[in-house]
């Protein structure tokens, strides 16, 4: 049964003629019993799976992995991995945070997924066949209410020797360092293919990417323009944004690959 409370208040009325009038009243408040809080759950809109090209560091996105909770802001939800990683992670696959690519990932926030800061590193061993990996995890709210364990599936596709290749010499992908609010050109040494045929475009980022010398309506850049210093990254200037990850798609007219630029 609902309990009741009252809020005492006064109302004042200033008439056009005559003295001011006032009246005392009480606002009735019904207080219902608190319902049992339900734990968070994976979102029905998320695929709970991702496809990855071999050797390509790939960012998780909210359409791949997301959770929801009626009583919690989405950015506060926490994913906790419950399955153990292989003993030798450099020979196997693993998830990593682009803030610290050298450490195995155990927990991460949904906000980090939104900011493209959680990525999947495929195995370093070559394979000619598709491989299917499974990661078991839970989602928790700040009060540690937990969902049931669920599986996140990763389909690893074999390397296509005819497709374009983005090369870099770091496990965390190609990197760019700059100060808050600063602009910096992307390097042009990260593409391998026939440069005249390769085009790249942005799939996701927090700041801005602009290409000098092309019309504003152009949505892509070629592999030649980064080498000429024409592809410029602009930090959004926000005080609490210390890193940004750019998801790029590169195509040569027949094949395409996605890769992560930090």
Protein backbone atom coordinates (compact mmCIF):
# COMPACT_ATOMS: atom_id res chain seq x y z
CA UNK A 1 0.00 0.00 0.00
CA UNK A 2 1.34 3.46 -0.89
CA UNK A 3 2.25 5.86 1.91
CA UNK A 4 1.31 9.52 1.84
CA UNK A 5 2.98 12.81 2.74
CA UNK A 6 2.04 16.45 2.50
CA UNK A 7 3.91 19.54 1.36
CA UNK A 8 2.68 22.71 3.15
CA UNK A 9 2.58 25.84 1.01
CA UNK A 10 1.14 29.35 0.75
CA UNK A 11 -0.39 31.02 -2.27
CA UNK A 12 -0.52 34.83 -2.54
CA UNK A 13 -2.97 36.70 -4.77
CA UNK A 14 -2.56 40.39 -5.64
CA UNK A 15 -5.92 41.71 -6.80
CA UNK A 16 -6.30 44.72 -9.05
CA UNK A 17 -8.19 46.48 -6.26
CA UNK A 18 -8.18 45.74 -2.57
CA UNK A 19 -5.63 44.18 -0.24
CA UNK A 20 -3.42 41.18 -1.02
CA UNK A 21 -5.00 37.81 -0.22
CA UNK A 22 -3.25 34.67 0.88
CA UNK A 23 -4.28 31.10 1.45
CA UNK A 24 -2.62 28.10 3.06
CA UNK A 25 -2.87 24.67 1.39
CA UNK A 26 -1.20 21.25 1.35
CA UNK A 27 0.00 19.30 -1.69
CA UNK A 28 -0.60 15.57 -1.25
CA UNK A 29 2.27 13.24 -2.23
CA UNK A 30 1.79 9.49 -2.69
CA UNK A 31 4.91 7.41 -2.00
CA UNK A 32 5.01 3.99 -3.63
CA UNK A 33 7.18 1.13 -2.46
CA UNK A 34 10.44 0.81 -4.33
CA UNK A 35 10.44 -1.95 -6.91
CA UNK A 36 13.27 -4.46 -7.09
CA UNK A 37 16.04 -3.10 -9.30
CA UNK A 38 16.68 -5.18 -12.38
CA UNK A 39 20.29 -5.81 -13.44
CA UNK A 40 21.60 -4.49 -16.77
CA UNK A 41 21.46 -6.67 -19.86
CA UNK A 42 23.00 -6.72 -23.35
CA UNK A 43 21.12 -4.47 -25.74
CA UNK A 44 18.81 -6.15 -28.23
CA UNK A 45 20.11 -3.69 -30.83
CA UNK A 46 23.72 -4.92 -30.51
CA UNK A 47 24.88 -7.80 -32.70
CA UNK A 48 27.15 -9.26 -29.97
CA UNK A 49 29.55 -10.20 -32.73
CA UNK A 50 32.19 -8.64 -34.95
CA UNK A 51 34.03 -9.51 -38.15
CA UNK A 52 37.75 -8.86 -38.27
CA UNK A 53 40.32 -9.01 -41.05
CA UNK A 54 43.42 -11.00 -40.15
CA UNK A 55 46.18 -8.90 -38.52
CA UNK A 56 43.92 -5.80 -38.49
CA UNK A 57 43.49 -4.12 -35.11
CA UNK A 58 39.73 -3.43 -35.04
CA UNK A 59 37.74 -1.17 -32.74
CA UNK A 60 34.55 -2.35 -31.04
CA UNK A 61 31.50 -0.19 -31.73
CA UNK A 62 28.12 0.14 -30.02
CA UNK A 63 26.37 -1.72 -32.83
CA UNK A 64 28.64 -4.68 -32.01
CA UNK A 65 28.54 -4.53 -28.21
CA UNK A 66 26.17 -2.48 -26.04
CA UNK A 67 24.12 -2.85 -22.87
CA UNK A 68 21.14 -1.09 -21.32
CA UNK A 69 19.75 -0.51 -17.85
CA UNK A 70 16.67 1.52 -16.94
CA UNK A 71 18.25 2.88 -13.76
CA UNK A 72 21.78 3.63 -14.99
CA UNK A 73 23.28 6.01 -17.53
CA UNK A 74 24.67 4.01 -20.46
CA UNK A 75 28.19 5.43 -20.10
CA UNK A 76 28.45 4.05 -16.53
CA UNK A 77 27.81 0.42 -17.44
CA UNK A 78 30.79 -1.90 -17.07
CA UNK A 79 31.71 -4.95 -19.15
CA UNK A 80 33.60 -7.63 -17.24
CA UNK A 81 35.32 -10.49 -19.07
CA UNK A 82 34.72 -13.82 -17.34
CA UNK A 83 36.60 -16.14 -19.73
CA UNK A 84 40.35 -16.52 -19.37
CA UNK A 85 42.71 -15.39 -22.13
CA UNK A 86 45.41 -17.75 -23.47
CA UNK A 87 48.61 -17.93 -21.44
CA UNK A 88 50.63 -16.44 -24.31
CA UNK A 89 48.56 -13.47 -25.55
CA UNK A 90 51.09 -12.46 -28.20
CA UNK A 91 50.40 -15.72 -30.04
CA UNK A 92 46.64 -15.54 -29.55
CA UNK A 93 43.81 -13.02 -29.79
CA UNK A 94 42.83 -10.54 -27.07
CA UNK A 95 40.98 -7.30 -26.36
CA UNK A 96 42.96 -4.21 -25.45
CA UNK A 97 42.46 -0.61 -24.43
CA UNK A 98 44.20 1.85 -26.72
CA UNK A 99 45.25 3.74 -23.56
CA UNK A 100 47.47 0.80 -22.59
CA UNK A 101 47.94 -1.70 -25.40
CA UNK A 102 50.49 -3.74 -23.43
CA UNK A 103 48.01 -4.95 -20.80
CA UNK A 104 45.31 -7.58 -21.14
CA UNK A 105 41.83 -6.16 -20.76
CA UNK A 106 39.55 -7.47 -17.99
CA UNK A 107 36.97 -4.69 -17.52
CA UNK A 108 36.00 -1.65 -19.57
CA UNK A 109 33.24 0.96 -19.65
CA UNK A 110 30.55 1.25 -22.30
CA UNK A 111 31.70 4.85 -22.69
CA UNK A 112 35.08 3.53 -23.86
CA UNK A 113 33.32 1.47 -26.53
CA UNK A 114 31.47 4.60 -27.66
CA UNK A 115 34.79 6.47 -27.89
CA UNK A 116 36.34 3.64 -29.98
CA UNK A 117 38.97 2.98 -27.31
CA UNK A 118 38.41 -0.79 -26.99
CA UNK A 119 39.90 -2.87 -29.79
CA UNK A 120 40.37 -6.49 -30.78
CA UNK A 121 43.88 -7.68 -31.62
CA UNK A 122 43.77 -10.81 -33.86
CA UNK A 123 46.25 -13.67 -33.46
CA UNK A 124 49.69 -13.13 -34.94
CA UNK A 125 49.71 -16.59 -36.49
CA UNK A 126 48.61 -16.81 -40.13
CA UNK A 127 45.62 -18.92 -41.19
CA UNK A 128 44.00 -19.62 -44.56
CA UNK A 129 40.60 -20.39 -43.03
CA UNK A 130 37.96 -18.42 -41.17
CA UNK A 131 38.24 -18.74 -37.40
CA UNK A 132 35.55 -18.21 -34.78
CA UNK A 133 36.50 -16.99 -31.30
CA UNK A 134 34.22 -16.55 -28.31
CA UNK A 135 34.62 -14.18 -25.37
CA UNK A 136 32.38 -14.63 -22.33
CA UNK A 137 31.49 -11.53 -20.34
CA UNK A 138 28.97 -9.89 -18.01
CA UNK A 139 27.68 -6.34 -17.80
CA UNK A 140 27.43 -4.60 -14.42
CA UNK A 141 26.02 -1.34 -13.11
CA UNK A 142 27.86 0.88 -10.55
CA UNK A 143 26.11 -1.00 -7.71
CA UNK A 144 27.58 -4.30 -9.01
CA UNK A 145 24.22 -5.67 -10.14
CA UNK A 146 25.26 -8.13 -12.85
CA UNK A 147 23.70 -9.68 -15.92
CA UNK A 148 23.98 -13.36 -16.69
CA UNK A 149 27.11 -14.33 -18.63
CA UNK A 150 26.76 -13.95 -22.39
CA UNK A 151 28.97 -14.72 -25.36
CA UNK A 152 30.54 -12.19 -27.72
CA UNK A 153 31.53 -13.82 -31.00
CA UNK A 154 34.49 -12.79 -33.18
CA UNK A 155 34.73 -14.00 -36.77
CA UNK A 156 38.30 -13.75 -38.03
CA UNK A 157 38.56 -13.67 -41.82
CA UNK A 158 41.75 -14.85 -43.57
CA UNK A 159 43.97 -12.26 -45.16
CA UNK A 160 43.14 -11.41 -48.76
CA UNK A 161 46.44 -11.07 -50.59
CA UNK A 162 44.77 -8.90 -53.25
CA UNK A 163 43.35 -6.36 -50.80
CA UNK A 164 45.01 -3.12 -49.72
CA UNK A 165 47.14 -3.26 -46.59
CA UNK A 166 47.60 -0.69 -43.83
CA UNK A 167 51.04 -1.17 -42.29
CA UNK A 168 52.38 0.02 -38.94
CA UNK A 169 55.08 -0.99 -36.50
CA UNK A 170 53.18 -0.98 -33.21
CA UNK A 171 50.66 -3.37 -31.69
CA UNK A 172 48.36 -0.43 -31.02
CA UNK A 173 48.31 0.65 -34.66
CA UNK A 174 49.58 3.83 -36.32
CA UNK A 175 49.74 6.70 -33.85
CA UNK A 176 49.59 10.48 -33.89
CA UNK A 177 50.65 12.73 -30.98
CA UNK A 178 49.50 16.35 -30.59
CA UNK A 179 48.49 18.95 -28.01
CA UNK A 180 44.93 19.87 -26.98
CA UNK A 181 43.12 21.67 -29.80
CA UNK A 182 46.06 21.17 -32.18
CA UNK A 183 46.01 19.99 -35.80
CA UNK A 184 48.44 17.43 -37.18
CA UNK A 185 48.83 15.72 -40.58
CA UNK A 186 48.52 11.93 -40.88
CA UNK A 187 51.56 10.04 -42.10
CA UNK A 188 51.56 8.74 -45.64
CA UNK A 189 53.72 5.67 -44.96
CA UNK A 190 50.89 3.40 -43.84
CA UNK A 191 49.49 2.21 -47.18
CA UNK A 192 50.66 -0.64 -49.39
CA UNK A 193 49.03 -1.17 -52.78
CA UNK A 194 48.73 0.59 -56.10
CA UNK A 195 48.51 4.14 -54.73
CA UNK A 196 46.45 5.44 -57.63
CA UNK A 197 43.64 2.97 -56.91
CA UNK A 198 43.44 3.21 -53.11
CA UNK A 199 40.86 5.43 -51.44
CA UNK A 200 40.19 5.79 -47.70
CA UNK A 201 37.38 7.36 -45.70
CA UNK A 202 36.40 7.82 -42.06
CA UNK A 203 33.95 5.48 -40.34
CA UNK A 204 34.19 7.03 -36.87
CA UNK A 205 36.14 9.51 -34.72
CA UNK A 206 35.65 12.18 -32.02
CA UNK A 207 37.56 15.08 -33.59
CA UNK A 208 37.63 16.16 -37.23
CA UNK A 209 39.56 14.99 -40.28
CA UNK A 210 39.95 17.35 -43.22
CA UNK A 211 41.71 16.99 -46.56
CA UNK A 212 43.46 20.07 -47.94
CA UNK A 213 43.07 20.91 -51.60
CA UNK A 214 39.85 18.99 -52.23
CA UNK A 215 36.20 20.16 -52.29
CA UNK A 216 34.42 19.99 -48.87
CA UNK A 217 31.88 17.60 -50.39
CA UNK A 218 34.60 14.98 -51.00
CA UNK A 219 34.20 12.20 -48.42
CA UNK A 220 37.44 10.30 -49.08
CA UNK A 221 41.14 10.79 -49.62
CA UNK A 222 43.65 8.84 -51.68
CA UNK A 223 46.80 7.11 -50.45
CA UNK A 224 48.91 9.89 -52.02
CA UNK A 225 47.43 12.78 -49.99
CA UNK A 226 48.67 11.68 -46.53
CA UNK A 227 52.21 11.55 -47.95
CA UNK A 228 51.82 15.16 -49.11
CA UNK A 229 50.66 16.24 -45.63
CA UNK A 230 47.17 17.10 -46.90
CA UNK A 231 45.16 14.93 -44.46
CA UNK A 232 44.84 16.89 -41.23
CA UNK A 233 43.42 15.71 -37.90
CA UNK A 234 41.88 18.47 -35.75
CA UNK A 235 41.42 17.81 -32.03
CA UNK A 236 37.97 18.85 -30.80
CA UNK A 237 39.51 21.06 -28.08
CA UNK A 238 37.58 19.49 -25.23
CA UNK A 239 39.40 19.52 -21.87
CA UNK A 240 38.63 15.89 -20.99
CA UNK A 241 39.47 14.34 -24.37
CA UNK A 242 43.06 13.09 -24.12
CA UNK A 243 42.96 10.60 -26.99
CA UNK A 244 40.98 9.88 -30.11
CA UNK A 245 40.76 6.82 -32.30
CA UNK A 246 39.97 7.04 -35.99
CA UNK A 247 38.33 4.08 -37.71
CA UNK A 248 39.25 4.19 -41.40
CA UNK A 249 38.08 2.08 -44.32
CA UNK A 250 40.44 1.59 -47.25
CA UNK A 251 39.42 0.21 -50.64
CA UNK A 252 41.05 -0.35 -54.03
CA UNK A 253 37.84 -0.76 -56.06
CA UNK A 254 37.51 -4.51 -55.47
CA UNK A 255 38.45 -5.13 -51.83
CA UNK A 256 38.20 -3.12 -48.65
CA UNK A 257 39.71 -3.31 -45.16
CA UNK A 258 39.08 -1.43 -41.93
CA UNK A 259 41.84 -0.35 -39.58
CA UNK A 260 42.36 1.75 -36.48
CA UNK A 261 44.42 4.95 -36.35
CA UNK A 262 45.20 6.31 -32.85
